[in-house]
Structure formats: C-alpha cells, structure tokens
Protein backbone atom coordinates (compact mmCIF):
# COMPACT_ATOMS: atom_id res chain seq x y z
CA UNK A 1 14.26 -23.05 -37.49
CA UNK A 2 10.70 -22.39 -35.76
CA UNK A 3 10.57 -24.25 -32.64
CA UNK A 4 7.41 -26.59 -32.55
CA UNK A 5 5.23 -27.13 -29.04
CA UNK A 6 3.31 -29.74 -29.12
CA UNK A 7 1.34 -28.32 -26.48
CA UNK A 8 -0.04 -26.32 -29.39
CA UNK A 9 -1.07 -28.98 -31.80
CA UNK A 10 -4.54 -28.47 -33.01
CA UNK A 11 -6.95 -31.28 -31.28
CA UNK A 12 -8.03 -32.36 -34.57
CA UNK A 13 -4.53 -33.44 -35.41
CA UNK A 14 -4.40 -35.06 -31.84
CA UNK A 15 -7.27 -36.94 -32.12
CA UNK A 16 -6.42 -38.49 -35.58
CA UNK A 17 -2.45 -38.97 -33.83
CA UNK A 18 -4.79 -41.31 -30.64
CA UNK A 19 -6.59 -43.41 -33.91
CA UNK A 20 -2.88 -45.08 -34.36
CA UNK A 21 -2.76 -45.59 -30.38
CA UNK A 22 -3.72 -49.06 -28.63
CA UNK A 23 -6.01 -48.03 -25.78
CA UNK A 24 -3.18 -48.03 -23.32
CA UNK A 25 -0.27 -46.21 -25.50
CA UNK A 26 -3.44 -43.54 -25.28
CA UNK A 27 -3.76 -43.17 -22.09
CA UNK A 28 0.16 -43.07 -21.42
CA UNK A 29 0.60 -40.32 -24.42
CA UNK A 30 -2.28 -38.54 -22.70
CA UNK A 31 -0.41 -38.05 -19.15
CA UNK A 32 1.62 -36.06 -21.39
CA UNK A 33 -0.15 -32.40 -20.98
CA UNK A 34 -3.45 -30.84 -20.16
CA UNK A 35 -4.13 -30.18 -23.91
CA UNK A 36 -3.11 -34.22 -24.43
CA UNK A 37 -5.15 -35.56 -21.52
CA UNK A 38 -8.39 -33.24 -22.71
CA UNK A 39 -8.03 -35.06 -26.06
CA UNK A 40 -8.35 -38.29 -24.78
CA UNK A 41 -12.08 -37.99 -23.72
CA UNK A 42 -13.55 -37.57 -26.92
CA UNK A 43 -16.39 -40.25 -28.46
CA UNK A 44 -14.04 -41.62 -31.05
CA UNK A 45 -12.22 -43.39 -28.48
CA UNK A 46 -15.07 -44.46 -26.01
CA UNK A 47 -17.59 -46.68 -28.67
CA UNK A 48 -17.86 -49.10 -25.67
CA UNK A 49 -17.43 -49.14 -21.98
CA UNK A 50 -17.57 -51.87 -19.76
CA UNK A 51 -17.84 -51.51 -16.02
CA UNK A 52 -18.05 -53.83 -13.12
CA UNK A 53 -19.22 -52.25 -10.04
CA UNK A 54 -17.90 -54.65 -7.09
CA UNK A 55 -16.20 -54.75 -4.25
CA UNK A 56 -15.03 -58.51 -4.50
CA UNK A 57 -10.92 -57.84 -5.04
CA UNK A 58 -11.66 -53.59 -4.35
CA UNK A 59 -11.91 -51.60 -1.43
CA UNK A 60 -15.57 -49.26 -1.53
CA UNK A 61 -13.24 -46.35 -2.02
CA UNK A 62 -11.66 -47.57 -4.64
CA UNK A 63 -14.69 -48.83 -6.89
CA UNK A 64 -16.24 -45.20 -5.90
CA UNK A 65 -13.38 -43.82 -7.12
CA UNK A 66 -13.69 -45.76 -10.33
CA UNK A 67 -17.43 -44.63 -10.87
CA UNK A 68 -17.08 -41.15 -10.35
CA UNK A 69 -14.37 -40.85 -13.10
CA UNK A 70 -16.82 -42.83 -15.33
CA UNK A 71 -19.75 -40.20 -14.09
CA UNK A 72 -17.52 -37.48 -14.66
CA UNK A 73 -15.81 -38.32 -18.02
CA UNK A 74 -16.94 -41.27 -19.65
CA UNK A 75 -20.97 -41.75 -19.28
CA UNK A 76 -21.62 -38.89 -21.91
CA UNK A 77 -19.26 -39.87 -24.63
CA UNK A 78 -19.81 -44.32 -25.05
CA UNK A 79 -21.86 -45.30 -27.58
CA UNK A 80 -22.36 -48.93 -26.15
CA UNK A 81 -22.47 -49.24 -22.02
CA UNK A 82 -22.09 -52.18 -20.32
CA UNK A 83 -22.71 -52.40 -16.42
CA UNK A 84 -22.05 -55.08 -14.46
CA UNK A 85 -22.86 -54.92 -10.64
CA UNK A 86 -23.54 -56.63 -7.37
CA UNK A 87 -27.24 -55.92 -6.74
CA UNK A 88 -26.75 -57.87 -3.23
CA UNK A 89 -24.73 -54.86 -2.20
CA UNK A 90 -26.50 -51.68 -1.12
CA UNK A 91 -23.54 -49.60 -1.85
CA UNK A 92 -23.00 -50.98 -5.24
CA UNK A 93 -26.34 -50.74 -5.99
CA UNK A 94 -26.37 -46.92 -5.37
CA UNK A 95 -23.38 -46.72 -7.23
CA UNK A 96 -24.84 -47.87 -10.21
CA UNK A 97 -27.56 -45.92 -9.94
CA UNK A 98 -25.47 -42.76 -10.06
CA UNK A 99 -24.14 -44.66 -13.23
CA UNK A 100 -27.44 -44.63 -14.88
CA UNK A 101 -28.21 -41.40 -13.76
CA UNK A 102 -25.21 -39.64 -15.58
CA UNK A 103 -26.58 -41.57 -19.26
CA UNK A 104 -28.90 -39.35 -18.88
CA UNK A 105 -27.24 -36.31 -20.70
CA UNK A 106 -25.84 -39.02 -23.13
CA UNK A 107 -26.87 -37.88 -26.62
CA UNK A 108 -24.46 -40.37 -28.19
CA UNK A 109 -25.64 -43.63 -26.71
CA UNK A 110 -27.19 -46.66 -28.87
CA UNK A 111 -26.62 -49.48 -27.12
CA UNK A 112 -27.31 -50.61 -23.04
CA UNK A 113 -26.49 -53.95 -21.44
CA UNK A 114 -27.01 -54.34 -17.81
CA UNK A 115 -26.77 -57.49 -15.59
CA UNK A 116 -25.50 -58.76 -12.16
CA UNK A 117 -22.28 -60.55 -11.14
CA UNK A 118 -24.62 -63.06 -9.52
CA UNK A 119 -28.10 -64.68 -10.50
CA UNK A 120 -30.95 -63.94 -8.37
CA UNK A 121 -34.69 -63.60 -9.60
CA UNK A 122 -36.88 -62.73 -6.77
CA UNK A 123 -36.72 -59.31 -5.33
CA UNK A 124 -36.74 -60.74 -1.80
CA UNK A 125 -33.59 -62.56 -2.11
CA UNK A 126 -31.58 -59.64 -4.43
CA UNK A 127 -29.90 -58.35 -0.94
CA UNK A 128 -27.96 -59.81 1.18
CA UNK A 129 -29.19 -58.82 4.93
CA UNK A 130 -32.85 -60.03 5.56
CA UNK A 131 -33.62 -56.87 7.74
CA UNK A 132 -37.05 -55.22 6.67
CA UNK A 133 -35.64 -51.60 6.70
CA UNK A 134 -32.67 -52.84 4.75
CA UNK A 135 -34.88 -54.49 1.91
CA UNK A 136 -37.60 -51.22 2.03
CA UNK A 137 -34.47 -49.03 1.71
CA UNK A 138 -32.89 -51.13 -1.15
CA UNK A 139 -36.20 -51.90 -3.29
CA UNK A 140 -37.11 -48.24 -2.75
CA UNK A 141 -33.24 -47.88 -5.00
CA UNK A 142 -34.42 -50.21 -7.38
CA UNK A 143 -37.05 -48.51 -8.20
CA UNK A 144 -35.37 -45.39 -8.64
CA UNK A 145 -32.48 -47.75 -10.56
CA UNK A 146 -35.40 -48.59 -13.20
CA UNK A 147 -36.83 -44.91 -13.13
CA UNK A 148 -33.53 -43.51 -14.18
CA UNK A 149 -33.51 -46.66 -16.91
CA UNK A 150 -36.47 -45.01 -18.30
CA UNK A 151 -35.25 -41.20 -18.17
CA UNK A 152 -32.26 -42.70 -20.00
CA UNK A 153 -34.69 -44.57 -22.78
CA UNK A 154 -36.58 -41.59 -23.08
CA UNK A 155 -33.35 -39.74 -25.21
CA UNK A 156 -34.77 -41.98 -28.22
CA UNK A 157 -32.67 -44.31 -30.93
CA UNK A 158 -32.00 -46.87 -28.62
CA UNK A 159 -30.34 -49.97 -30.37
CA UNK A 160 -29.92 -52.58 -27.99
CA UNK A 161 -31.22 -52.74 -24.56
CA UNK A 162 -30.15 -55.74 -22.23
CA UNK A 163 -31.58 -56.32 -18.44
CA UNK A 164 -30.71 -59.74 -17.08
CA UNK A 165 -31.19 -61.96 -14.17
CA UNK A 166 -33.57 -60.40 -12.40
CA UNK A 167 -36.99 -58.69 -13.20
CA UNK A 168 -37.16 -55.19 -14.47
CA UNK A 169 -40.30 -54.68 -12.38
CA UNK A 170 -41.94 -51.42 -14.53
CA UNK A 171 -41.14 -53.74 -17.52
CA UNK A 172 -44.69 -52.63 -19.37
CA UNK A 173 -43.75 -48.78 -19.20
CA UNK A 174 -40.02 -49.51 -20.24
CA UNK A 175 -41.55 -51.70 -23.70
CA UNK A 176 -43.73 -48.12 -24.24
CA UNK A 177 -40.93 -46.10 -23.90
CA UNK A 178 -38.55 -48.02 -26.36
CA UNK A 179 -41.63 -48.85 -28.87
CA UNK A 180 -42.24 -44.61 -28.25
CA UNK A 181 -38.77 -43.72 -28.69
CA UNK A 182 -36.57 -46.01 -30.68
CA UNK A 183 -39.42 -48.37 -32.56
CA UNK A 184 -37.62 -47.40 -35.62
CA UNK A 185 -33.92 -48.37 -34.17
CA UNK A 186 -34.13 -50.97 -31.77
CA UNK A 187 -32.79 -54.35 -32.88
CA UNK A 188 -32.21 -56.08 -29.48
CA UNK A 189 -33.75 -56.38 -26.88
CA UNK A 190 -33.12 -58.68 -23.40
CA UNK A 191 -35.40 -59.04 -20.82
CA UNK A 192 -35.29 -61.23 -18.02
CA UNK A 193 -39.10 -62.38 -16.73
CA UNK A 194 -41.64 -59.84 -17.53
CA UNK A 195 -43.95 -60.28 -14.03
CA UNK A 196 -47.19 -59.50 -12.64
CA UNK A 197 -48.86 -56.03 -14.09
CA UNK A 198 -47.83 -52.78 -11.90
CA UNK A 199 -50.96 -51.93 -12.41
CA UNK A 200 -54.42 -52.73 -10.18
CA UNK A 201 -56.65 -55.61 -11.58
CA UNK A 202 -59.04 -53.12 -13.31
CA UNK A 203 -56.18 -51.42 -15.92
CA UNK A 204 -54.65 -54.85 -16.22
CA UNK A 205 -56.61 -55.65 -19.86
CA UNK A 206 -56.31 -52.36 -21.01
CA UNK A 207 -52.37 -52.26 -19.65
CA UNK A 208 -51.93 -55.60 -21.68
CA UNK A 209 -53.68 -54.32 -24.72
CA UNK A 210 -51.99 -51.79 -24.83
CA UNK A 211 -48.58 -53.54 -24.11
CA UNK A 212 -49.38 -56.22 -27.06
CA UNK A 213 -49.53 -53.15 -29.44
CA UNK A 214 -46.10 -51.17 -28.27
CA UNK A 215 -44.62 -54.82 -28.81
CA UNK A 216 -45.81 -55.53 -32.17
CA UNK A 217 -44.67 -51.75 -33.13
CA UNK A 218 -41.05 -52.51 -32.54
CA UNK A 219 -40.68 -54.09 -36.27
CA UNK A 220 -37.07 -53.73 -36.49
CA UNK A 221 -36.48 -56.27 -33.99
CA UNK A 222 -33.94 -58.89 -34.89
CA UNK A 223 -33.15 -60.12 -31.60
CA UNK A 224 -35.34 -60.95 -28.86
CA UNK A 225 -34.91 -62.53 -25.46
CA UNK A 226 -37.10 -63.31 -23.06
CA UNK A 227 -38.18 -65.69 -19.97
CA UNK A 228 -40.90 -67.56 -20.80
CA UNK A 229 -44.04 -67.26 -19.08
CA UNK A 230 -47.88 -66.85 -19.19
CA UNK A 231 -46.95 -62.86 -19.89
CA UNK A 232 -44.85 -63.83 -22.25
CA UNK A 233 -46.70 -66.40 -24.12
CA UNK A 234 -49.96 -64.16 -24.29
CA UNK A 235 -47.50 -61.99 -26.37
CA UNK A 236 -45.88 -64.31 -28.81
CA UNK A 237 -48.32 -62.94 -31.55
CA UNK A 238 -47.10 -59.83 -31.27
CA UNK A 239 -43.90 -61.63 -32.90
CA UNK A 240 -45.74 -61.62 -36.51
CA UNK A 241 -45.32 -57.88 -37.21
CA UNK A 242 -41.48 -58.40 -36.32
CA UNK A 243 -40.74 -59.59 -40.24
CA UNK A 244 -37.02 -59.21 -39.47
CA UNK A 245 -36.56 -60.95 -36.56
CA UNK A 246 -33.58 -63.60 -36.38
CA UNK A 247 -33.37 -64.66 -33.32
CA UNK A 248 -35.60 -65.59 -30.18
CA UNK A 249 -34.20 -66.97 -27.43
CA UNK A 250 -36.68 -68.20 -24.66
CA UNK A 251 -35.86 -69.44 -21.19
CA UNK A 252 -37.85 -71.46 -18.84
CA UNK A 253 -37.20 -71.67 -15.28
CA UNK A 254 -40.68 -72.70 -13.72
CA UNK A 255 -43.60 -74.83 -14.76
CA UNK A 256 -45.54 -72.88 -17.27
CA UNK A 257 -49.55 -72.51 -16.37
CA UNK A 258 -50.25 -71.96 -20.02
CA UNK A 259 -49.78 -73.67 -23.26
CA UNK A 260 -48.93 -72.33 -26.78
CA UNK A 261 -50.96 -73.62 -29.63
CA UNK A 262 -49.03 -74.51 -32.66
CA UNK A 263 -51.39 -72.52 -34.14
CA UNK A 264 -49.05 -69.41 -32.78
CA UNK A 265 -46.00 -70.62 -34.03
CA UNK A 266 -47.46 -71.40 -37.53
CA UNK A 267 -48.31 -68.04 -37.89
CA UNK A 268 -44.78 -66.82 -36.09
CA UNK A 269 -43.27 -68.93 -38.65
CA UNK A 270 -45.12 -67.62 -41.41
CA UNK A 271 -44.67 -64.08 -40.97
CA UNK A 272 -40.96 -64.23 -39.35
CA UNK A 273 -39.38 -66.63 -42.18
CA UNK A 274 -35.58 -65.94 -40.65
CA UNK A 275 -36.64 -67.01 -37.65
CA UNK A 276 -34.41 -69.32 -35.27
CA UNK A 277 -35.83 -70.33 -31.66
CA UNK A 278 -33.23 -70.86 -29.20
CA UNK A 279 -34.56 -72.99 -26.28
CA UNK A 280 -33.38 -73.01 -22.54
CA UNK A 281 -34.76 -74.95 -19.76
CA UNK A 282 -32.84 -74.42 -16.44
CA UNK A 283 -33.26 -76.04 -12.84
CA UNK A 284 -36.69 -77.32 -14.09
CA UNK A 285 -37.60 -81.24 -13.42
CA UNK A 286 -41.10 -80.96 -14.36
CA UNK A 287 -40.79 -79.05 -17.54
CA UNK A 288 -38.13 -81.29 -18.72
CA UNK A 289 -40.36 -84.16 -17.92
CA UNK A 290 -42.98 -83.10 -20.21
CA UNK A 291 -40.76 -81.10 -22.68
CA UNK A 292 -42.40 -82.97 -25.12
CA UNK A 293 -46.22 -82.60 -24.98
CA UNK A 294 -46.25 -79.34 -22.97
CA UNK A 295 -44.06 -77.11 -24.69
CA UNK A 296 -42.55 -78.56 -28.08
CA UNK A 297 -44.54 -77.72 -30.99
CA UNK A 298 -44.21 -78.85 -34.76
CA UNK A 299 -43.98 -75.57 -36.35
CA UNK A 300 -40.95 -74.03 -33.99
CA UNK A 301 -38.48 -73.02 -35.87
CA UNK A 302 -36.38 -74.57 -33.10
CA UNK A 303 -32.86 -74.31 -34.01
CA UNK A 304 -30.82 -74.74 -30.19
CA UNK A 305 -32.31 -76.32 -27.20
CA UNK A 306 -30.64 -76.29 -23.89
CA UNK A 307 -32.13 -78.47 -20.46
CA UNK A 308 -29.52 -77.38 -17.66
CA UNK A 309 -29.74 -79.07 -14.54
CA UNK A 310 -32.63 -80.21 -14.57
CA UNK A 311 -32.00 -83.65 -13.24
CA UNK A 312 -33.21 -86.03 -15.90
CA UNK A 313 -33.16 -87.10 -19.41
CA UNK A 314 -35.76 -87.05 -21.44
CA UNK A 315 -35.66 -89.75 -23.76
CA UNK A 316 -39.47 -89.11 -25.32
CA UNK A 317 -37.32 -85.54 -26.03
CA UNK A 318 -34.74 -86.85 -28.10
CA UNK A 319 -37.16 -88.29 -30.53
CA UNK A 320 -39.01 -85.41 -30.50
CA UNK A 321 -36.33 -83.68 -31.71
CA UNK A 322 -36.93 -85.34 -35.04
CA UNK A 323 -39.35 -82.88 -35.33
CA UNK A 324 -36.80 -80.51 -36.07
CA UNK A 325 -34.51 -81.91 -38.32
CA UNK A 326 -34.16 -79.44 -40.81
CA UNK A 327 -33.70 -76.75 -38.25
CA UNK A 328 -31.90 -78.20 -35.38
CA UNK A 329 -28.20 -77.07 -34.96
CA UNK A 330 -27.65 -77.25 -31.45
CA UNK A 331 -28.12 -79.55 -28.34
CA UNK A 332 -27.03 -79.39 -24.96
CA UNK A 333 -28.24 -81.61 -22.11
CA UNK A 334 -26.10 -81.08 -18.54
CA UNK A 335 -26.55 -82.37 -15.08
CA UNK A 336 -24.38 -82.48 -12.31
CA UNK A 337 -24.32 -86.45 -12.55
CA UNK A 338 -25.99 -89.48 -14.18
CA UNK A 339 -29.63 -90.32 -13.33
CA UNK A 340 -29.50 -93.57 -15.16
CA UNK A 341 -26.52 -95.28 -14.23
CA UNK A 342 -26.73 -98.82 -16.04
CA UNK A 343 -26.35 -96.21 -19.84
CA UNK A 344 -27.21 -93.05 -21.24
CA UNK A 345 -30.79 -93.85 -22.11
CA UNK A 346 -32.52 -96.74 -22.93
CA UNK A 347 -32.77 -96.39 -26.27
CA UNK A 348 -35.51 -97.34 -28.60
CA UNK A 349 -35.24 -99.79 -31.45
CA UNK A 350 -34.68 -97.76 -34.86
CA UNK A 351 -35.90 -101.34 -36.54
CA UNK A 352 -37.73 -104.00 -34.59
CA UNK A 353 -36.60 -106.58 -36.62
CA UNK A 354 -32.83 -105.47 -35.79
CA UNK A 355 -33.20 -106.99 -32.20
CA UNK A 356 -30.90 -104.03 -30.60
CA UNK A 357 -31.51 -101.00 -29.36
CA UNK A 358 -30.42 -97.87 -30.87
CA UNK A 359 -29.13 -94.87 -29.30
CA UNK A 360 -31.50 -91.50 -29.90
CA UNK A 361 -28.20 -89.45 -30.04
CA UNK A 362 -27.19 -91.57 -32.80
CA UNK A 363 -30.54 -91.20 -34.73
CA UNK A 364 -30.36 -87.47 -34.13
CA UNK A 365 -26.72 -87.22 -35.63
CA UNK A 366 -28.05 -89.43 -38.86
CA UNK A 367 -31.27 -87.31 -39.43
CA UNK A 368 -30.72 -83.76 -38.66
CA UNK A 369 -28.59 -82.59 -41.11
CA UNK A 370 -27.63 -79.16 -39.35
CA UNK A 371 -26.53 -80.37 -36.05
CA UNK A 372 -23.24 -78.96 -35.66
CA UNK A 373 -23.41 -78.73 -31.60
CA UNK A 374 -23.91 -81.86 -28.99
CA UNK A 375 -22.93 -81.53 -25.41
CA UNK A 376 -24.29 -84.14 -22.95
CA UNK A 377 -22.84 -84.34 -19.19
CA UNK A 378 -23.74 -85.80 -16.45
CA UNK A 379 -25.14 -89.08 -18.34
CA UNK A 380 -23.03 -92.21 -19.63
CA UNK A 381 -23.04 -92.98 -23.26
CA UNK A 382 -20.94 -96.28 -25.12
CA UNK A 383 -17.49 -95.40 -26.89
CA UNK A 384 -19.10 -97.12 -29.87
CA UNK A 385 -21.88 -94.19 -29.97
CA UNK A 386 -19.14 -91.76 -29.57
CA UNK A 387 -17.83 -93.14 -32.76
CA UNK A 388 -20.65 -93.65 -34.09
CA UNK A 389 -21.90 -89.70 -33.62
CA UNK A 390 -18.49 -88.43 -34.91
CA UNK A 391 -18.54 -90.43 -38.26
CA UNK A 392 -22.33 -89.48 -38.79
CA UNK A 393 -21.93 -86.09 -38.71
CA UNK A 394 -18.09 -85.48 -39.59
CA UNK A 395 -16.64 -82.34 -39.56
CA UNK A 396 -19.98 -80.38 -39.75
CA UNK A 397 -19.99 -81.55 -35.66
CA UNK A 398 -17.95 -78.29 -34.45
CA UNK A 399 -18.96 -78.86 -30.91
CA UNK A 400 -18.88 -82.13 -29.31
CA UNK A 401 -18.79 -82.43 -25.53
CA UNK A 402 -18.47 -85.07 -23.34
CA UNK A 403 -17.06 -86.07 -19.93
CA UNK A 404 -14.32 -88.44 -19.92
CA UNK A 405 -16.05 -90.05 -16.66
CA UNK A 406 -18.98 -90.40 -18.55
CA UNK A 407 -17.89 -92.66 -21.34
CA UNK A 408 -18.30 -96.79 -20.36
CA UNK A 409 -15.02 -97.86 -21.15
CA UNK A 410 -15.20 -102.11 -21.05
CA UNK A 411 -11.80 -102.70 -22.56
CA UNK A 412 -8.59 -101.64 -20.68
CA UNK A 413 -8.92 -97.92 -20.35
CA UNK A 414 -5.38 -96.59 -22.29
CA UNK A 415 -6.07 -99.01 -24.95
CA UNK A 416 -9.83 -97.71 -25.72
CA UNK A 417 -9.17 -93.84 -24.78
CA UNK A 418 -6.67 -93.18 -27.05
CA UNK A 419 -8.84 -95.50 -29.96
CA UNK A 420 -11.83 -92.99 -29.17
CA UNK A 421 -9.76 -90.09 -29.52
CA UNK A 422 -8.36 -90.51 -32.50
CA UNK A 423 -11.44 -92.02 -34.24
CA UNK A 424 -13.20 -89.01 -33.42
CA UNK A 425 -10.39 -86.48 -34.39
CA UNK A 426 -9.97 -87.68 -37.29
CA UNK A 427 -14.07 -87.69 -38.37
CA UNK A 428 -14.55 -84.15 -36.98
CA UNK A 429 -10.81 -83.11 -38.66
CA UNK A 430 -9.99 -81.75 -35.37
CA UNK A 431 -8.31 -82.39 -32.35
CA UNK A 432 -11.02 -84.12 -29.64
CA UNK A 433 -10.44 -84.80 -26.53
CA UNK A 434 -13.77 -85.39 -23.62
CA UNK A 435 -13.66 -83.38 -21.01
CA UNK A 436 -11.85 -84.16 -17.55
CA UNK A 437 -14.09 -83.69 -14.36
CA UNK A 438 -11.36 -82.01 -12.84
CA UNK A 439 -11.00 -79.35 -15.59
CA UNK A 440 -14.73 -78.36 -14.84
CA UNK A 441 -13.90 -77.09 -11.49
C-alpha cells in the first residue's frame, strides 16, 4: 500500500478540511507543519477580525507582538475589520496607525469599524499627558492615522465604515473619498461629530457645496449615524437622494445653534419611505428641557428615543411623543437618581372630568401601537402604573426595564413585589423582574 504523506496534501483539499473545524481547532491543526500553517492564512478563514489594542491587562511587548502578527499575516486577508484601541496612550495610537497602514495592501476589505476603548470627543482631552510637546506629537499621530484611513478608503468597494467616539477631523475629505470610490457599494456610514471645516473661510462655501454633493451621491446607504450639530443639520436635505435609507441615528451631545424645519423632515420622509429615525440625547440638560419645542417635529419618522443622563424628565416630551403613535418603537429615559422624589411624573389628566391624573407612560402604552421597548431608570413609578403598562402592551412589550428601587411600594414589600412580578410576567408572557440597583454596579 502506498504511503500517504499528509504534508503533501493539496492546499485546496486542506482548505476544505479546515472549513469543518472550529477556529480554535483550526489553529491547533495548523501547528502540525509549515504547510498546514500556511494553509491557515487564507481569506476563507479570516472573514472578520476583531483587534483590541490596549495596555489594560497586557504588557506593551505582548500587545506589540499581537499587532506585528496581525500586520504581517492577517491585515491583507480580512473582509471585515474591527479595531478598538486606547487613543489616550501614545503607544497604542502608534500601533493602531501601523495596522491601518497595513490594511492599505488589502484588496478584499469591505467593512472598517474603528472605535475607542473610552469616550472622549475633544482633541485636547484625547491624550492622558497634558504636555504641549506630547500633545503636538500625538496630534500629528492622529493626522497620520486619518490620512492612512483615507488611503485605505481609496481602494474602493467599501460597504461599511464606522469611526466612533471622537471626531474625524478630515471628515470632508472622507465623505469625498467614499463618494468617489464607493458610492455604489457603501451601505453603512457611522461618524462622530462633523466638526469645523478644515478649509479656510473663503473656501468654506465651496467646500460645503462639494460635501453636500458627495453626500447626496451615496444613494445606496441603508444606515447612517451622525452626531447632530450645525453641519449635520445642513446636510440633512442630502438624505432625500438616499431612497434606500432605512436607519438614521442622530446623537445630540450639546445644545444646537440651528433648528431643523418640519418641511425638511417631511421631504426626507417622502423620499425615504422605509426610514426609521433613532434619536439619542446624551448628558445635555438644555436639549432635554426644550426637546419638545426645538428638536421634535411632527414629520419626523421617529422610532427610537433615548434620553441619557440629562438630569430631568420632561413630561411635555412624553405627551409630544403621541405625534409618533404609528412609528414609536422604543423609549429609553435614564438618570442616575430621581429628580422628582414625590412621583415619577406629575401626570396630565387624560379626561378633565376624571378627577385624577394619568401617568403619561400609561397613555403612551395605550396609544403607541408599535411600542416594544420601555426603559425608565432613575424616576419613581407607582406599582399600579407598572401593571397598567404591562397590561396595555401585553406580549408586544419585549423589553420593560425599571429599577426595583424606583417602584413605590406602599404595602408590605414581600406581598406587593410578588404580585407585581407575577402580574407583569403573565401579561408580557415572560419571566419579568425589575432590575436591582446592585446588578447595575
């Protein structure tokens, strides 16, 4: 009988064998010999790559070795690349820049997702050391990092691009590049704030018009995520050309100096019939206070609203949400403590002759037919309203989160608690319990 040498197994057959193995088993098998190790580095097995560059729990030598291996063996193989790094560390930022540079030789790349392991938005706060020389040097690193990204984008055929948590300062150029090389393939674009123009005052108008035209050419976008500011507001009419757009995510971090007219939203809604607007207000008391008058508009295709750590519950906003009774799917309102210790809200009478107030959340649950997620943390609520919400929404309410400490138990705790859990679980057709504060820590 002829002896078979496994080292001589054709690469095509070996690749087929490897497809039946889990990633961990595939790596173990690749240690058999050099031929099998070579077979491991095939695009078939590296569709997605997640790389975390952080010194937390690892030495710089270990992280550097991991990055070196990625740059040498994997950067040219991946289709979807996800990078997380700590930009506060000069060393991590430098390593992240080398990874992006290595991607420049990748002809298979379709999705790029870049985010930080923390959340900073100001270039003056990106770095831990406040030394002017170090900040200047690190700022030059970010410039190099962004230009490397622009070179990668020029390869074309990008389907998804995400750059989160801090501003891409050459955002004008980035949009131009994506429009020029990936206008037919790009389906997902997620960017942090579009900041001040990088051009001088004389060319700002020309630059904006060019950027508007580039944005308008991204006609195959299905998801767009942006921070809402003056630049974003001016670009919103460009969405009218994106007839396939399904999800628009807008994040608000600070007070807006411009208002969006209802006519703009009416046009966007007309030309993007499948559009869902997901609006998030983050740590901005003023925006939350005037949300119902300055930001919400009747023609908005609003489906999701998040208000996070704004230190107030705006009851008028809850009433305004009735304008979106046919679209609203999710309401999340979170604060770290109750700002109204007497009750969740000072309700408005549903029927003036009824003689008692009705919690606006009850009205929302009754009127908004698509409401499937309700999260209220940091504000007190009566047990009867908890049950009322669950009874009105029934099994259509997929997510219902309240803090146990926020439910106003007036009867002996063990009795009323068990009754609420049983009733809500029955109406929602699931095992429901309020969240205990200790589980959030």
